[in-house]
Amino acid sequence: MRVGVKGGDWSHPEFAAIARSLQDSAGLVFPPNRRESAEAGMRRAMVATCISDPHDLRRAADATGETRDVLLTELTIGETFFLRENGQFDFLRTSVLPELRATIGQRQLRIWSAGCATGEEPYSLGIILREAGWSGGASILGTDIAAARIVTARRARYTAWSMRGVNDAIIGKYFEKRGKQFLLRSDVRQAVEFRTLNLASAEYPSATTGVEQMDVIFCR
């Protein structure tokens, strides 16, 4: 078996089989220019789960369990930080919220952050609502296919890397500095619910997944 992958080829047929399986089950697509990084992620998953044979990794990828969760974490993008893409949050604050005030009043909003990674986006939504003075409150749902990222999101403890670009006034108002970590204010944490959700599954969207009748959906 070749050690590396070049030119868009998989170095082992089992890696190609894993890619096909994840495309069918999770909607993940690995074009030729992404195969080298995808195979590197598969190999990291093998190391993390003490698997030495790609065949065993494929079997685990086809079943539910810790190995599949590790594999999905390695193969999906987890890049995020607080108030990422200021333009979309400005649009929410200056256009969407005033329109919602005019049409539904100040009732509780239902907001969904799909693909929330480690939670910075849904928590940012909670901060924006407070800054905008939305008195009706909100039920904010954050979902991601990677279970490990949901666990991190629920902790609501972040490093300076997640705070890049956030001004000091917002940090001081909504976070408590604990050593090198920033702990999010409890009322913002409590406004967000996190769940694992595969957007490619047959049950999405439905009442059982809790993503029906949303007022605002963020999906980046």
N, C-alpha and C. Protein backbone atom coordinates (compact mmCIF):
# COMPACT_ATOMS: atom_id res chain seq x y z
N MET A 1 0.85 -1.20 0.00
CA MET A 1 0.00 0.00 0.00
C MET A 1 0.88 1.24 0.00
N ARG A 2 0.62 2.17 -0.90
CA ARG A 2 1.38 3.41 -0.93
C ARG A 2 1.07 4.23 0.31
N VAL A 3 2.05 4.99 0.77
CA VAL A 3 1.89 5.79 1.98
C VAL A 3 1.07 7.03 1.70
N GLY A 4 1.25 7.65 0.56
CA GLY A 4 0.57 8.91 0.26
C GLY A 4 -0.41 8.80 -0.88
N VAL A 5 -1.02 9.92 -1.20
CA VAL A 5 -1.97 9.99 -2.30
C VAL A 5 -1.64 11.22 -3.11
N LYS A 6 -1.54 11.06 -4.42
CA LYS A 6 -1.21 12.18 -5.30
C LYS A 6 -2.12 12.15 -6.52
N GLY A 7 -2.28 13.33 -7.11
CA GLY A 7 -3.02 13.41 -8.36
C GLY A 7 -4.47 13.04 -8.26
N GLY A 8 -5.05 13.13 -7.07
CA GLY A 8 -6.47 12.86 -6.93
C GLY A 8 -6.82 11.40 -6.80
N ASP A 9 -5.82 10.50 -6.70
CA ASP A 9 -6.08 9.08 -6.54
C ASP A 9 -6.03 8.70 -5.07
N TRP A 10 -6.85 7.70 -4.70
CA TRP A 10 -6.78 7.15 -3.34
C TRP A 10 -5.66 6.13 -3.30
N SER A 11 -4.93 6.05 -2.20
CA SER A 11 -3.82 5.12 -2.10
C SER A 11 -4.27 3.71 -1.76
N HIS A 12 -5.54 3.55 -1.37
CA HIS A 12 -6.08 2.24 -1.04
C HIS A 12 -7.56 2.22 -1.43
N PRO A 13 -8.04 1.12 -2.02
CA PRO A 13 -9.45 1.08 -2.43
C PRO A 13 -10.43 1.24 -1.28
N GLU A 14 -10.01 0.88 -0.06
CA GLU A 14 -10.91 1.05 1.08
C GLU A 14 -11.17 2.53 1.39
N PHE A 15 -10.18 3.39 1.14
CA PHE A 15 -10.41 4.82 1.34
C PHE A 15 -11.44 5.33 0.33
N ALA A 16 -11.37 4.85 -0.89
CA ALA A 16 -12.37 5.23 -1.89
C ALA A 16 -13.75 4.73 -1.47
N ALA A 17 -13.81 3.53 -0.91
CA ALA A 17 -15.09 2.97 -0.46
C ALA A 17 -15.65 3.79 0.70
N ILE A 18 -14.79 4.25 1.60
CA ILE A 18 -15.24 5.09 2.72
C ILE A 18 -15.82 6.39 2.18
N ALA A 19 -15.14 6.98 1.21
CA ALA A 19 -15.63 8.23 0.62
C ALA A 19 -17.01 8.04 -0.01
N ARG A 20 -17.21 6.94 -0.72
CA ARG A 20 -18.52 6.67 -1.34
C ARG A 20 -19.58 6.47 -0.27
N SER A 21 -19.23 5.76 0.79
CA SER A 21 -20.18 5.51 1.87
C SER A 21 -20.61 6.81 2.54
N LEU A 22 -19.65 7.69 2.80
CA LEU A 22 -19.97 8.95 3.48
C LEU A 22 -20.72 9.91 2.56
N GLN A 23 -20.50 9.79 1.26
CA GLN A 23 -21.30 10.61 0.35
C GLN A 23 -22.76 10.18 0.40
N ASP A 24 -22.99 8.87 0.45
CA ASP A 24 -24.37 8.36 0.49
C ASP A 24 -25.04 8.66 1.83
N SER A 25 -24.30 8.52 2.92
CA SER A 25 -24.92 8.60 4.24
C SER A 25 -24.89 10.00 4.85
N ALA A 26 -23.91 10.81 4.46
CA ALA A 26 -23.75 12.11 5.10
C ALA A 26 -23.64 13.27 4.12
N GLY A 27 -23.69 12.99 2.83
CA GLY A 27 -23.62 14.05 1.84
C GLY A 27 -22.24 14.64 1.65
N LEU A 28 -21.20 13.99 2.18
CA LEU A 28 -19.85 14.52 2.03
C LEU A 28 -19.29 14.15 0.66
N VAL A 29 -18.66 15.11 0.00
CA VAL A 29 -18.12 14.90 -1.34
C VAL A 29 -16.64 15.24 -1.34
N PHE A 30 -15.84 14.36 -1.91
CA PHE A 30 -14.39 14.55 -1.95
C PHE A 30 -13.92 14.53 -3.40
N PRO A 31 -13.94 15.68 -4.07
CA PRO A 31 -13.45 15.75 -5.45
C PRO A 31 -11.95 15.49 -5.47
N PRO A 32 -11.38 15.27 -6.66
CA PRO A 32 -9.95 14.94 -6.74
C PRO A 32 -9.04 15.90 -6.00
N ASN A 33 -9.35 17.19 -6.01
CA ASN A 33 -8.45 18.15 -5.34
C ASN A 33 -8.58 18.11 -3.82
N ARG A 34 -9.51 17.35 -3.28
CA ARG A 34 -9.66 17.23 -1.83
C ARG A 34 -9.28 15.85 -1.31
N ARG A 35 -8.92 14.96 -2.20
CA ARG A 35 -8.69 13.58 -1.76
C ARG A 35 -7.45 13.43 -0.90
N GLU A 36 -6.43 14.19 -1.20
CA GLU A 36 -5.22 14.09 -0.38
C GLU A 36 -5.51 14.49 1.07
N SER A 37 -6.21 15.60 1.27
CA SER A 37 -6.53 16.03 2.63
C SER A 37 -7.54 15.10 3.27
N ALA A 38 -8.47 14.56 2.46
CA ALA A 38 -9.46 13.62 3.01
C ALA A 38 -8.79 12.34 3.49
N GLU A 39 -7.86 11.83 2.68
CA GLU A 39 -7.18 10.61 3.10
C GLU A 39 -6.33 10.86 4.34
N ALA A 40 -5.74 12.04 4.43
CA ALA A 40 -4.98 12.38 5.63
C ALA A 40 -5.89 12.38 6.85
N GLY A 41 -7.13 12.88 6.68
CA GLY A 41 -8.09 12.85 7.78
C GLY A 41 -8.47 11.44 8.16
N MET A 42 -8.63 10.57 7.16
CA MET A 42 -8.94 9.17 7.45
C MET A 42 -7.81 8.51 8.22
N ARG A 43 -6.59 8.82 7.84
CA ARG A 43 -5.44 8.23 8.54
C ARG A 43 -5.34 8.75 9.98
N ARG A 44 -5.67 10.03 10.18
CA ARG A 44 -5.67 10.56 11.56
C ARG A 44 -6.74 9.85 12.39
N ALA A 45 -7.89 9.57 11.77
CA ALA A 45 -8.95 8.85 12.47
C ALA A 45 -8.49 7.44 12.84
N MET A 46 -7.73 6.81 11.96
CA MET A 46 -7.20 5.48 12.26
C MET A 46 -6.26 5.53 13.46
N VAL A 47 -5.40 6.53 13.50
CA VAL A 47 -4.47 6.66 14.62
C VAL A 47 -5.24 6.90 15.92
N ALA A 48 -6.23 7.79 15.85
CA ALA A 48 -6.97 8.17 17.06
C ALA A 48 -7.77 7.00 17.62
N THR A 49 -8.18 6.08 16.75
CA THR A 49 -9.02 4.96 17.20
C THR A 49 -8.26 3.63 17.21
N CYS A 50 -6.93 3.72 17.05
CA CYS A 50 -6.06 2.52 17.11
C CYS A 50 -6.46 1.48 16.07
N ILE A 51 -6.75 1.94 14.86
CA ILE A 51 -7.06 1.04 13.74
C ILE A 51 -5.87 1.05 12.79
N SER A 52 -5.43 -0.12 12.40
CA SER A 52 -4.27 -0.21 11.51
C SER A 52 -4.63 -0.60 10.08
N ASP A 53 -5.82 -1.16 9.87
CA ASP A 53 -6.22 -1.64 8.56
C ASP A 53 -7.35 -0.77 8.01
N PRO A 54 -7.20 -0.19 6.81
CA PRO A 54 -8.27 0.62 6.22
C PRO A 54 -9.59 -0.14 6.10
N HIS A 55 -9.52 -1.46 5.95
CA HIS A 55 -10.74 -2.26 5.87
C HIS A 55 -11.56 -2.14 7.16
N ASP A 56 -10.87 -2.15 8.30
CA ASP A 56 -11.57 -2.01 9.57
C ASP A 56 -12.16 -0.61 9.72
N LEU A 57 -11.47 0.39 9.18
CA LEU A 57 -12.01 1.74 9.22
C LEU A 57 -13.29 1.83 8.39
N ARG A 58 -13.28 1.18 7.23
CA ARG A 58 -14.50 1.22 6.40
C ARG A 58 -15.67 0.55 7.11
N ARG A 59 -15.42 -0.55 7.77
CA ARG A 59 -16.50 -1.23 8.50
C ARG A 59 -17.05 -0.32 9.59
N ALA A 60 -16.17 0.39 10.29
CA ALA A 60 -16.62 1.30 11.34
C ALA A 60 -17.35 2.50 10.76
N ALA A 61 -16.94 2.94 9.57
CA ALA A 61 -17.59 4.09 8.93
C ALA A 61 -19.01 3.77 8.53
N ASP A 62 -19.29 2.51 8.32
CA ASP A 62 -20.64 2.10 7.90
C ASP A 62 -21.56 1.86 9.08
N ALA A 63 -21.06 1.99 10.30
CA ALA A 63 -21.86 1.75 11.50
C ALA A 63 -21.84 2.98 12.40
N THR A 64 -22.77 3.05 13.31
CA THR A 64 -22.75 4.12 14.30
C THR A 64 -21.76 3.78 15.39
N GLY A 65 -21.19 4.81 15.98
CA GLY A 65 -20.25 4.55 17.06
C GLY A 65 -19.14 5.58 17.10
N GLU A 66 -18.22 5.40 18.05
CA GLU A 66 -17.17 6.38 18.29
C GLU A 66 -16.25 6.56 17.10
N THR A 67 -15.91 5.47 16.42
CA THR A 67 -14.98 5.58 15.30
C THR A 67 -15.59 6.40 14.17
N ARG A 68 -16.85 6.18 13.88
CA ARG A 68 -17.51 6.98 12.85
C ARG A 68 -17.55 8.45 13.26
N ASP A 69 -17.81 8.72 14.54
CA ASP A 69 -17.84 10.10 15.02
C ASP A 69 -16.47 10.76 14.84
N VAL A 70 -15.41 10.04 15.17
CA VAL A 70 -14.06 10.58 15.00
C VAL A 70 -13.79 10.85 13.53
N LEU A 71 -14.19 9.93 12.67
CA LEU A 71 -13.97 10.08 11.23
C LEU A 71 -14.72 11.30 10.69
N LEU A 72 -15.96 11.49 11.10
CA LEU A 72 -16.73 12.63 10.64
C LEU A 72 -16.12 13.95 11.13
N THR A 73 -15.59 13.95 12.34
CA THR A 73 -14.94 15.15 12.85
C THR A 73 -13.72 15.49 12.01
N GLU A 74 -12.96 14.47 11.62
CA GLU A 74 -11.75 14.71 10.83
C GLU A 74 -12.07 15.17 9.41
N LEU A 75 -13.23 14.76 8.88
CA LEU A 75 -13.52 15.01 7.47
C LEU A 75 -14.48 16.16 7.22
N THR A 76 -14.96 16.80 8.26
CA THR A 76 -15.82 17.96 8.08
C THR A 76 -15.11 19.20 8.58
N ILE A 77 -15.48 20.34 8.04
CA ILE A 77 -14.79 21.59 8.35
C ILE A 77 -15.30 22.14 9.67
N GLY A 78 -14.38 22.42 10.58
CA GLY A 78 -14.77 22.94 11.89
C GLY A 78 -14.33 24.38 12.11
N GLU A 79 -13.93 25.07 11.06
CA GLU A 79 -13.45 26.46 11.19
C GLU A 79 -14.61 27.38 11.55
N THR A 80 -14.46 28.08 12.66
CA THR A 80 -15.49 29.03 13.10
C THR A 80 -14.90 29.93 14.18
N PHE A 81 -15.53 31.06 14.41
CA PHE A 81 -15.17 31.93 15.52
C PHE A 81 -16.35 32.86 15.78
N PHE A 82 -16.31 33.57 16.88
CA PHE A 82 -17.43 34.41 17.26
C PHE A 82 -17.60 35.59 16.29
N LEU A 83 -18.87 35.83 15.95
CA LEU A 83 -19.25 36.94 15.06
C LEU A 83 -18.52 36.88 13.73
N ARG A 84 -18.29 35.65 13.26
CA ARG A 84 -17.66 35.46 11.96
C ARG A 84 -18.56 36.02 10.86
N GLU A 85 -17.97 36.66 9.88
CA GLU A 85 -18.71 37.31 8.81
C GLU A 85 -19.67 38.36 9.38
N ASN A 86 -19.11 39.49 9.76
CA ASN A 86 -19.90 40.55 10.39
C ASN A 86 -21.09 40.98 9.53
N GLY A 87 -20.92 40.89 8.21
CA GLY A 87 -21.99 41.33 7.32
C GLY A 87 -23.30 40.61 7.55
N GLN A 88 -23.25 39.30 7.80
CA GLN A 88 -24.49 38.55 7.98
C GLN A 88 -25.14 38.89 9.33
N PHE A 89 -24.32 39.16 10.35
CA PHE A 89 -24.89 39.54 11.63
C PHE A 89 -25.44 40.97 11.58
N ASP A 90 -24.78 41.84 10.82
CA ASP A 90 -25.32 43.19 10.63
C ASP A 90 -26.66 43.13 9.90
N PHE A 91 -26.76 42.26 8.92
CA PHE A 91 -28.01 42.10 8.18
C PHE A 91 -29.12 41.59 9.10
N LEU A 92 -28.78 40.66 9.98
CA LEU A 92 -29.76 40.16 10.94
C LEU A 92 -30.24 41.30 11.84
N ARG A 93 -29.30 42.08 12.34
CA ARG A 93 -29.64 43.14 13.29
C ARG A 93 -30.40 44.29 12.63
N THR A 94 -29.98 44.70 11.43
CA THR A 94 -30.54 45.92 10.83
C THR A 94 -31.71 45.66 9.90
N SER A 95 -31.83 44.45 9.36
CA SER A 95 -32.90 44.17 8.40
C SER A 95 -33.88 43.10 8.88
N VAL A 96 -33.35 41.96 9.30
CA VAL A 96 -34.23 40.83 9.64
C VAL A 96 -35.01 41.10 10.93
N LEU A 97 -34.31 41.49 11.98
CA LEU A 97 -35.00 41.69 13.26
C LEU A 97 -36.06 42.80 13.19
N PRO A 98 -35.78 43.96 12.55
CA PRO A 98 -36.85 44.97 12.43
C PRO A 98 -38.07 44.46 11.66
N GLU A 99 -37.82 43.66 10.63
CA GLU A 99 -38.94 43.10 9.86
C GLU A 99 -39.74 42.12 10.71
N LEU A 100 -39.05 41.31 11.50
CA LEU A 100 -39.74 40.36 12.37
C LEU A 100 -40.53 41.10 13.46
N ARG A 101 -39.97 42.19 13.97
CA ARG A 101 -40.71 42.97 14.97
C ARG A 101 -42.03 43.48 14.39
N ALA A 102 -41.99 43.86 13.11
CA ALA A 102 -43.18 44.42 12.47
C ALA A 102 -44.22 43.35 12.15
N THR A 103 -43.78 42.11 11.97
CA THR A 103 -44.71 41.06 11.54
C THR A 103 -45.15 40.14 12.67
N ILE A 104 -44.26 39.87 13.62
CA ILE A 104 -44.62 38.90 14.68
C ILE A 104 -44.54 39.51 16.07
N GLY A 105 -44.17 40.78 16.16
CA GLY A 105 -44.07 41.40 17.48
C GLY A 105 -42.82 40.94 18.21
N GLN A 106 -42.91 40.81 19.52
CA GLN A 106 -41.75 40.48 20.34
C GLN A 106 -41.84 39.08 20.92
N ARG A 107 -42.52 38.17 20.22
CA ARG A 107 -42.58 36.80 20.73
C ARG A 107 -41.22 36.14 20.63
N GLN A 108 -41.12 35.01 21.29
CA GLN A 108 -39.85 34.28 21.27
C GLN A 108 -39.52 33.82 19.85
N LEU A 109 -38.29 34.07 19.43
CA LEU A 109 -37.85 33.65 18.11
C LEU A 109 -37.34 32.21 18.14
N ARG A 110 -37.46 31.55 17.01
CA ARG A 110 -36.86 30.22 16.82
C ARG A 110 -35.77 30.38 15.76
N ILE A 111 -34.54 30.15 16.19
CA ILE A 111 -33.38 30.36 15.30
C ILE A 111 -32.56 29.07 15.26
N TRP A 112 -32.09 28.75 14.07
CA TRP A 112 -31.33 27.52 13.87
C TRP A 112 -29.99 27.83 13.21
N SER A 113 -28.92 27.34 13.81
CA SER A 113 -27.59 27.37 13.21
C SER A 113 -27.24 25.97 12.77
N ALA A 114 -27.33 25.72 11.47
CA ALA A 114 -27.03 24.39 10.92
C ALA A 114 -25.54 24.31 10.63
N GLY A 115 -24.92 23.21 11.00
CA GLY A 115 -23.48 23.10 10.85
C GLY A 115 -22.76 24.03 11.79
N CYS A 116 -23.10 23.96 13.08
CA CYS A 116 -22.63 24.96 14.05
C CYS A 116 -21.22 24.70 14.55
N ALA A 117 -20.62 23.56 14.19
CA ALA A 117 -19.27 23.22 14.65
C ALA A 117 -19.19 23.29 16.18
N THR A 118 -18.31 24.10 16.73
CA THR A 118 -18.11 24.14 18.18
C THR A 118 -18.93 25.22 18.87
N GLY A 119 -19.94 25.74 18.20
CA GLY A 119 -20.94 26.57 18.86
C GLY A 119 -20.81 28.07 18.79
N GLU A 120 -19.73 28.56 18.20
CA GLU A 120 -19.54 30.01 18.18
C GLU A 120 -20.67 30.74 17.46
N GLU A 121 -21.17 30.17 16.36
CA GLU A 121 -22.22 30.86 15.61
C GLU A 121 -23.54 30.98 16.39
N PRO A 122 -24.11 29.89 16.92
CA PRO A 122 -25.36 30.05 17.66
C PRO A 122 -25.20 30.93 18.90
N TYR A 123 -24.06 30.84 19.57
CA TYR A 123 -23.84 31.73 20.70
C TYR A 123 -23.74 33.18 20.24
N SER A 124 -23.14 33.40 19.09
CA SER A 124 -23.08 34.76 18.53
C SER A 124 -24.48 35.29 18.26
N LEU A 125 -25.37 34.42 17.81
CA LEU A 125 -26.76 34.83 17.58
C LEU A 125 -27.40 35.28 18.88
N GLY A 126 -27.13 34.57 19.96
CA GLY A 126 -27.66 34.96 21.26
C GLY A 126 -27.14 36.32 21.69
N ILE A 127 -25.88 36.58 21.41
CA ILE A 127 -25.29 37.87 21.75
C ILE A 127 -25.92 38.99 20.93
N ILE A 128 -26.09 38.75 19.63
CA ILE A 128 -26.67 39.78 18.75
C ILE A 128 -28.09 40.13 19.20
N LEU A 129 -28.88 39.15 19.58
CA LEU A 129 -30.24 39.43 20.04
C LEU A 129 -30.23 40.31 21.28
N ARG A 130 -29.31 40.05 22.17
CA ARG A 130 -29.22 40.89 23.37
C ARG A 130 -28.76 42.29 23.03
N GLU A 131 -27.80 42.40 22.12
CA GLU A 131 -27.33 43.72 21.71
C GLU A 131 -28.41 44.50 20.97
N ALA A 132 -29.29 43.78 20.27
CA ALA A 132 -30.36 44.43 19.51
C ALA A 132 -31.58 44.73 20.38
N GLY A 133 -31.57 44.26 21.62
CA GLY A 133 -32.68 44.52 22.53
C GLY A 133 -33.94 43.74 22.22
N TRP A 134 -33.77 42.51 21.72
CA TRP A 134 -34.95 41.67 21.43
C TRP A 134 -35.49 41.14 22.76
N SER A 135 -36.58 41.72 23.22
CA SER A 135 -37.08 41.42 24.57
C SER A 135 -37.85 40.11 24.65
N GLY A 136 -38.26 39.57 23.51
CA GLY A 136 -39.05 38.34 23.54
C GLY A 136 -38.25 37.09 23.76
N GLY A 137 -36.93 37.21 23.74
CA GLY A 137 -36.09 36.04 23.91
C GLY A 137 -36.05 35.18 22.66
N ALA A 138 -35.34 34.09 22.75
CA ALA A 138 -35.19 33.22 21.59
C ALA A 138 -34.87 31.80 22.01
N SER A 139 -35.32 30.87 21.21
CA SER A 139 -34.91 29.48 21.31
C SER A 139 -33.95 29.24 20.16
N ILE A 140 -32.68 29.04 20.48
CA ILE A 140 -31.64 28.89 19.46
C ILE A 140 -31.18 27.44 19.44
N LEU A 141 -31.17 26.85 18.27
CA LEU A 141 -30.74 25.47 18.09
C LEU A 141 -29.46 25.44 17.27
N GLY A 142 -28.44 24.75 17.77
CA GLY A 142 -27.21 24.53 17.02
C GLY A 142 -27.07 23.05 16.72
N THR A 143 -26.85 22.72 15.46
CA THR A 143 -26.70 21.31 15.07
C THR A 143 -25.41 21.10 14.29
N ASP A 144 -24.85 19.91 14.42
CA ASP A 144 -23.68 19.53 13.64
C ASP A 144 -23.63 18.02 13.54
N ILE A 145 -23.04 17.53 12.49
CA ILE A 145 -22.95 16.08 12.31
C ILE A 145 -21.86 15.47 13.19
N ALA A 146 -20.90 16.28 13.62
CA ALA A 146 -19.77 15.78 14.40
C ALA A 146 -20.09 15.87 15.89
N ALA A 147 -20.28 14.72 16.52
CA ALA A 147 -20.67 14.69 17.93
C ALA A 147 -19.63 15.32 18.84
N ALA A 148 -18.35 15.17 18.53
CA ALA A 148 -17.29 15.72 19.38
C ALA A 148 -17.37 17.24 19.42
N ARG A 149 -17.75 17.85 18.31
CA ARG A 149 -17.86 19.31 18.29
C ARG A 149 -19.05 19.78 19.12
N ILE A 150 -20.12 19.01 19.15
CA ILE A 150 -21.28 19.36 19.97
C ILE A 150 -20.90 19.32 21.45
N VAL A 151 -20.10 18.35 21.84
CA VAL A 151 -19.64 18.27 23.23
C VAL A 151 -18.85 19.53 23.59
N THR A 152 -17.97 19.97 22.69
CA THR A 152 -17.20 21.19 22.93
C THR A 152 -18.11 22.40 23.01
N ALA A 153 -19.11 22.47 22.14
CA ALA A 153 -20.04 23.60 22.13
C ALA A 153 -20.78 23.74 23.45
N ARG A 154 -21.20 22.63 24.01
CA ARG A 154 -21.95 22.67 25.27
C ARG A 154 -21.10 23.19 26.42
N ARG A 155 -19.80 23.01 26.36
CA ARG A 155 -18.93 23.50 27.43
C ARG A 155 -18.86 25.03 27.43
N ALA A 156 -18.96 25.63 26.24
CA ALA A 156 -18.94 27.10 26.09
C ALA A 156 -17.67 27.72 26.66
N ARG A 157 -16.56 27.03 26.54
CA ARG A 157 -15.26 27.55 26.95
C ARG A 157 -14.38 27.66 25.71
N TYR A 158 -13.84 28.83 25.49
CA TYR A 158 -13.13 29.08 24.24
C TYR A 158 -11.77 29.72 24.49
N THR A 159 -10.88 29.56 23.50
CA THR A 159 -9.58 30.20 23.56
C THR A 159 -9.61 31.50 22.77
N ALA A 160 -8.51 32.21 22.81
CA ALA A 160 -8.41 33.48 22.10
C ALA A 160 -8.62 33.30 20.60
N TRP A 161 -8.35 32.11 20.08
CA TRP A 161 -8.53 31.87 18.64
C TRP A 161 -9.99 32.04 18.24
N SER A 162 -10.90 31.66 19.11
CA SER A 162 -12.34 31.82 18.82
C SER A 162 -12.81 33.26 18.99
N MET A 163 -11.99 34.08 19.64
CA MET A 163 -12.38 35.46 19.92
C MET A 163 -11.78 36.46 18.94
N ARG A 164 -11.01 35.98 17.98
CA ARG A 164 -10.34 36.92 17.08
C ARG A 164 -11.37 37.75 16.31
N GLY A 165 -11.14 39.03 16.28
CA GLY A 165 -12.06 39.91 15.59
C GLY A 165 -13.18 40.44 16.46
N VAL A 166 -13.33 39.91 17.67
CA VAL A 166 -14.39 40.38 18.57
C VAL A 166 -13.83 41.53 19.41
N ASN A 167 -14.59 42.63 19.48
CA ASN A 167 -14.05 43.79 20.20
C ASN A 167 -14.06 43.54 21.72
N ASP A 168 -13.22 44.29 22.40
CA ASP A 168 -13.03 44.09 23.83
C ASP A 168 -14.31 44.34 24.63
N ALA A 169 -15.14 45.26 24.15
CA ALA A 169 -16.38 45.57 24.88
C ALA A 169 -17.30 44.35 24.91
N ILE A 170 -17.44 43.66 23.79
CA ILE A 170 -18.29 42.46 23.73
C ILE A 170 -17.68 41.35 24.58
N ILE A 171 -16.36 41.18 24.50
CA ILE A 171 -15.71 40.14 25.30
C ILE A 171 -15.92 40.41 26.79
N GLY A 172 -15.72 41.64 27.21
CA GLY A 172 -15.88 41.97 28.62
C GLY A 172 -17.31 41.84 29.11
N LYS A 173 -18.27 42.04 28.21
CA LYS A 173 -19.68 41.99 28.60
C LYS A 173 -20.22 40.57 28.67
N TYR A 174 -19.73 39.70 27.79
CA TYR A 174 -20.35 38.38 27.67
C TYR A 174 -19.45 37.21 28.06
N PHE A 175 -18.21 37.48 28.40
CA PHE A 175 -17.29 36.39 28.73
C PHE A 175 -16.55 36.66 30.03
N GLU A 176 -16.25 35.57 30.72
CA GLU A 176 -15.42 35.65 31.92
C GLU A 176 -14.08 35.00 31.61
N LYS A 177 -13.01 35.73 31.81
CA LYS A 177 -11.67 35.20 31.52
C LYS A 177 -11.25 34.28 32.65
N ARG A 178 -10.90 33.05 32.30
CA ARG A 178 -10.41 32.07 33.25
C ARG A 178 -9.11 31.48 32.72
N GLY A 179 -8.01 32.03 33.21
CA GLY A 179 -6.72 31.61 32.67
C GLY A 179 -6.63 32.01 31.21
N LYS A 180 -6.39 31.02 30.35
CA LYS A 180 -6.31 31.28 28.91
C LYS A 180 -7.64 31.04 28.21
N GLN A 181 -8.69 30.75 28.96
CA GLN A 181 -9.98 30.46 28.37
C GLN A 181 -10.99 31.57 28.64
N PHE A 182 -12.00 31.61 27.78
CA PHE A 182 -13.09 32.57 27.92
C PHE A 182 -14.39 31.78 28.11
N LEU A 183 -15.03 31.95 29.27
CA LEU A 183 -16.28 31.25 29.57
C LEU A 183 -17.45 32.16 29.24
N LEU A 184 -18.35 31.68 28.40
CA LEU A 184 -19.50 32.47 27.98
C LEU A 184 -20.49 32.66 29.12
N ARG A 185 -21.13 33.81 29.14
CA ARG A 185 -22.11 34.14 30.18
C ARG A 185 -23.23 33.11 30.22
N SER A 186 -23.70 32.78 31.40
CA SER A 186 -24.63 31.66 31.58
C SER A 186 -25.96 31.87 30.86
N ASP A 187 -26.49 33.09 30.83
CA ASP A 187 -27.79 33.29 30.19
C ASP A 187 -27.71 33.08 28.69
N VAL A 188 -26.57 33.38 28.08
CA VAL A 188 -26.41 33.12 26.65
C VAL A 188 -26.28 31.62 26.41
N ARG A 189 -25.52 30.95 27.27
CA ARG A 189 -25.39 29.49 27.15
C ARG A 189 -26.75 28.81 27.23
N GLN A 190 -27.54 29.23 28.19
CA GLN A 190 -28.82 28.55 28.44
C GLN A 190 -29.84 28.78 27.33
N ALA A 191 -29.63 29.79 26.50
CA ALA A 191 -30.57 30.07 25.41
C ALA A 191 -30.33 29.19 24.20
N VAL A 192 -29.24 28.41 24.20
CA VAL A 192 -28.87 27.60 23.04
C VAL A 192 -28.94 26.12 23.38
N GLU A 193 -29.61 25.38 22.52
CA GLU A 193 -29.65 23.92 22.63
C GLU A 193 -28.83 23.33 21.50
N PHE A 194 -28.07 22.29 21.80
CA PHE A 194 -27.23 21.65 20.79
C PHE A 194 -27.67 20.21 20.56
N ARG A 195 -27.66 19.81 19.30
CA ARG A 195 -27.98 18.43 18.94
C ARG A 195 -27.10 18.00 17.77
N THR A 196 -26.81 16.71 17.70
CA THR A 196 -26.20 16.18 16.49
C THR A 196 -27.28 15.99 15.44
N LEU A 197 -26.98 16.33 14.21
CA LEU A 197 -27.95 16.20 13.14
C LEU A 197 -27.23 16.02 11.82
N ASN A 198 -27.62 15.00 11.10
CA ASN A 198 -27.12 14.74 9.76
C ASN A 198 -28.10 15.33 8.76
N LEU A 199 -27.70 16.41 8.08
CA LEU A 199 -28.61 17.08 7.16
C LEU A 199 -28.95 16.23 5.94
N ALA A 200 -28.20 15.16 5.72
CA ALA A 200 -28.48 14.28 4.59
C ALA A 200 -29.40 13.12 4.95
N SER A 201 -29.82 13.05 6.22
CA SER A 201 -30.64 11.93 6.65
C SER A 201 -32.07 12.07 6.16
N ALA A 202 -32.76 10.95 6.07
CA ALA A 202 -34.13 10.94 5.55
C ALA A 202 -35.10 11.64 6.48
N GLU A 203 -34.78 11.77 7.77
CA GLU A 203 -35.70 12.37 8.73
C GLU A 203 -35.62 13.89 8.77
N TYR A 204 -34.71 14.48 8.01
CA TYR A 204 -34.55 15.94 8.03
C TYR A 204 -35.26 16.54 6.83
N PRO A 205 -35.99 17.67 6.97
CA PRO A 205 -36.39 18.25 8.26
C PRO A 205 -37.70 17.65 8.73
N SER A 206 -37.93 17.66 10.02
CA SER A 206 -39.17 17.12 10.55
C SER A 206 -39.34 17.59 11.98
N ALA A 207 -40.53 17.34 12.52
CA ALA A 207 -40.78 17.70 13.91
C ALA A 207 -39.87 16.92 14.85
N THR A 208 -39.51 15.69 14.48
CA THR A 208 -38.66 14.87 15.35
C THR A 208 -37.25 15.43 15.47
N THR A 209 -36.77 16.13 14.43
CA THR A 209 -35.44 16.72 14.49
C THR A 209 -35.47 18.11 15.10
N GLY A 210 -36.66 18.66 15.34
CA GLY A 210 -36.78 19.95 16.00
C GLY A 210 -36.40 21.14 15.15
N VAL A 211 -36.41 20.99 13.83
CA VAL A 211 -35.97 22.08 12.96
C VAL A 211 -37.09 22.55 12.04
N GLU A 212 -38.33 22.43 12.52
CA GLU A 212 -39.46 22.93 11.73
C GLU A 212 -39.87 24.31 12.25
N GLN A 213 -40.49 25.08 11.38
CA GLN A 213 -41.07 26.39 11.74
C GLN A 213 -40.04 27.32 12.37
N MET A 214 -38.90 27.46 11.74
CA MET A 214 -37.87 28.37 12.21
C MET A 214 -38.11 29.77 11.64
N ASP A 215 -37.78 30.78 12.43
CA ASP A 215 -37.87 32.16 11.96
C ASP A 215 -36.61 32.57 11.21
N VAL A 216 -35.46 32.09 11.67
CA VAL A 216 -34.17 32.45 11.08
C VAL A 216 -33.31 31.20 11.00
N ILE A 217 -32.68 31.00 9.86
CA ILE A 217 -31.77 29.86 9.70
C ILE A 217 -30.42 30.37 9.17
N PHE A 218 -29.36 30.03 9.89
CA PHE A 218 -28.00 30.30 9.42
C PHE A 218 -27.41 28.99 8.94
N CYS A 219 -26.91 28.96 7.73
CA CYS A 219 -26.29 27.73 7.20
C CYS A 219 -25.13 28.15 6.31
N ARG A 220 -23.92 28.06 6.86
CA ARG A 220 -22.72 28.44 6.11
C ARG A 220 -21.94 27.19 5.79
